[in-house]
Amino acid sequence: MIEIYRTNDIVKLSWLQALLSDAGIECVVLDQHASIIEGSIGAIQRRVMVLEEDALRARRVLSDAGEIEESI
């Protein structure tokens, strides 16, 4: 799996998951439990991960939505 986004914003995480799901791309959010354990103060960012073969398409979906700058 490859990380395509990292944030503390749970609303943005939900939005990104919805964008990827609508595009047919499965994703996993890592570090949710670590963030809760540390008291949800935002010190540990959550990571959006996708399969390696979906990474390019996932980045393009997020770029088209204005969420990330597409890198080459």
C-alpha atoms as a PDB file:
ATOM      1  CA  MET A   1       0.000   0.000   0.000  1.00  0.00           C
ATOM      2  CA  ILE A   2       1.057   3.552  -0.688  1.00  0.00           C
ATOM      3  CA  GLU A   3       0.282   6.697   1.285  1.00  0.00           C
ATOM      4  CA  ILE A   4      -1.437   9.332  -0.825  1.00  0.00           C
ATOM      5  CA  TYR A   5      -2.549  11.795   1.851  1.00  0.00           C
ATOM      6  CA  ARG A   6      -1.908  12.640   5.498  1.00  0.00           C
ATOM      7  CA  THR A   7      -4.025  14.893   7.717  1.00  0.00           C
ATOM      8  CA  ASN A   8      -5.512  15.450  11.168  1.00  0.00           C
ATOM      9  CA  ASP A   9      -8.780  16.763   9.693  1.00  0.00           C
ATOM     10  CA  ILE A  10     -11.402  14.025  10.151  1.00  0.00           C
ATOM     11  CA  VAL A  11     -13.901  15.854   7.940  1.00  0.00           C
ATOM     12  CA  LYS A  12     -11.369  15.994   5.110  1.00  0.00           C
ATOM     13  CA  LEU A  13     -10.597  12.296   5.644  1.00  0.00           C
ATOM     14  CA  SER A  14     -14.264  11.484   5.201  1.00  0.00           C
ATOM     15  CA  TRP A  15     -14.389  13.623   2.035  1.00  0.00           C
ATOM     16  CA  LEU A  16     -11.297  11.954   0.575  1.00  0.00           C
ATOM     17  CA  GLN A  17     -12.685   8.494   1.314  1.00  0.00           C
ATOM     18  CA  ALA A  18     -15.933   9.440  -0.436  1.00  0.00           C
ATOM     19  CA  LEU A  19     -14.064  10.758  -3.496  1.00  0.00           C
ATOM     20  CA  LEU A  20     -12.005   7.610  -3.786  1.00  0.00           C
ATOM     21  CA  SER A  21     -14.982   5.332  -3.182  1.00  0.00           C
ATOM     22  CA  ASP A  22     -16.984   7.107  -5.908  1.00  0.00           C
ATOM     23  CA  ALA A  23     -14.056   6.473  -8.269  1.00  0.00           C
ATOM     24  CA  GLY A  24     -14.063   2.783  -7.360  1.00  0.00           C
ATOM     25  CA  ILE A  25     -10.768   2.989  -5.458  1.00  0.00           C
ATOM     26  CA  GLU A  26     -10.511   1.200  -2.136  1.00  0.00           C
ATOM     27  CA  CYS A  27      -8.575   3.003   0.566  1.00  0.00           C
ATOM     28  CA  VAL A  28      -7.595   2.423   4.167  1.00  0.00           C
ATOM     29  CA  VAL A  29      -7.036   5.085   6.804  1.00  0.00           C
ATOM     30  CA  LEU A  30      -4.149   4.204   9.106  1.00  0.00           C
ATOM     31  CA  ASP A  31      -3.261   5.587  12.537  1.00  0.00           C
ATOM     32  CA  GLN A  32      -6.859   6.223  13.611  1.00  0.00           C
ATOM     33  CA  HIS A  33      -6.409   4.232  16.804  1.00  0.00           C
ATOM     34  CA  ALA A  34      -3.071   5.840  17.620  1.00  0.00           C
ATOM     35  CA  SER A  35      -4.669   9.247  17.290  1.00  0.00           C
ATOM     36  CA  ILE A  36      -7.497   8.254  19.642  1.00  0.00           C
ATOM     37  CA  ILE A  37      -5.089   6.794  22.201  1.00  0.00           C
ATOM     38  CA  GLU A  38      -3.072   9.997  22.334  1.00  0.00           C
ATOM     39  CA  GLY A  39      -6.260  11.868  23.235  1.00  0.00           C
ATOM     40  CA  SER A  40      -7.270  13.110  19.781  1.00  0.00           C
ATOM     41  CA  ILE A  41      -5.184  16.247  20.189  1.00  0.00           C
ATOM     42  CA  GLY A  42      -4.036  15.987  16.590  1.00  0.00           C
ATOM     43  CA  ALA A  43      -0.402  15.103  17.210  1.00  0.00           C
ATOM     44  CA  ILE A  44      -0.569  11.972  15.070  1.00  0.00           C
ATOM     45  CA  GLN A  45      -1.793  12.442  11.537  1.00  0.00           C
ATOM     46  CA  ARG A  46      -3.961   9.816   9.884  1.00  0.00           C
ATOM     47  CA  ARG A  47      -2.738   8.392   6.571  1.00  0.00           C
ATOM     48  CA  VAL A  48      -4.868   7.539   3.533  1.00  0.00           C
ATOM     49  CA  MET A  49      -3.437   4.447   1.850  1.00  0.00           C
ATOM     50  CA  VAL A  50      -4.316   2.808  -1.477  1.00  0.00           C
ATOM     51  CA  LEU A  51      -3.024  -0.199  -3.372  1.00  0.00           C
ATOM     52  CA  GLU A  52       0.089   0.520  -5.402  1.00  0.00           C
ATOM     53  CA  GLU A  53      -1.723  -0.148  -8.680  1.00  0.00           C
ATOM     54  CA  ASP A  54      -4.405   2.429  -7.735  1.00  0.00           C
ATOM     55  CA  ALA A  55      -2.016   5.151  -6.539  1.00  0.00           C
ATOM     56  CA  LEU A  56      -1.716   7.111  -9.783  1.00  0.00           C
ATOM     57  CA  ARG A  57      -5.456   7.090 -10.394  1.00  0.00           C
ATOM     58  CA  ALA A  58      -6.166   7.973  -6.743  1.00  0.00           C
ATOM     59  CA  ARG A  59      -3.805  10.946  -6.897  1.00  0.00           C
ATOM     60  CA  ARG A  60      -5.473  12.090 -10.106  1.00  0.00           C
ATOM     61  CA  VAL A  61      -8.939  11.867  -8.485  1.00  0.00           C
ATOM     62  CA  LEU A  62      -7.764  13.946  -5.515  1.00  0.00           C
ATOM     63  CA  SER A  63      -5.970  16.382  -7.798  1.00  0.00           C
ATOM     64  CA  ASP A  64      -9.078  16.866  -9.949  1.00  0.00           C
ATOM     65  CA  ALA A  65     -10.999  17.647  -6.752  1.00  0.00           C
ATOM     66  CA  GLY A  66      -8.386  20.257  -5.792  1.00  0.00           C
ATOM     67  CA  GLU A  67      -7.178  18.326  -2.765  1.00  0.00           C
ATOM     68  CA  ILE A  68      -3.578  17.686  -3.827  1.00  0.00           C
ATOM     69  CA  GLU A  69      -1.179  18.906  -6.457  1.00  0.00           C
ATOM     70  CA  GLU A  70      -0.575  16.147  -8.954  1.00  0.00           C
ATOM     71  CA  SER A  71       3.052  15.114  -9.032  1.00  0.00           C
ATOM     72  CA  ILE A  72       4.841  13.450 -11.902  1.00  0.00           C
END
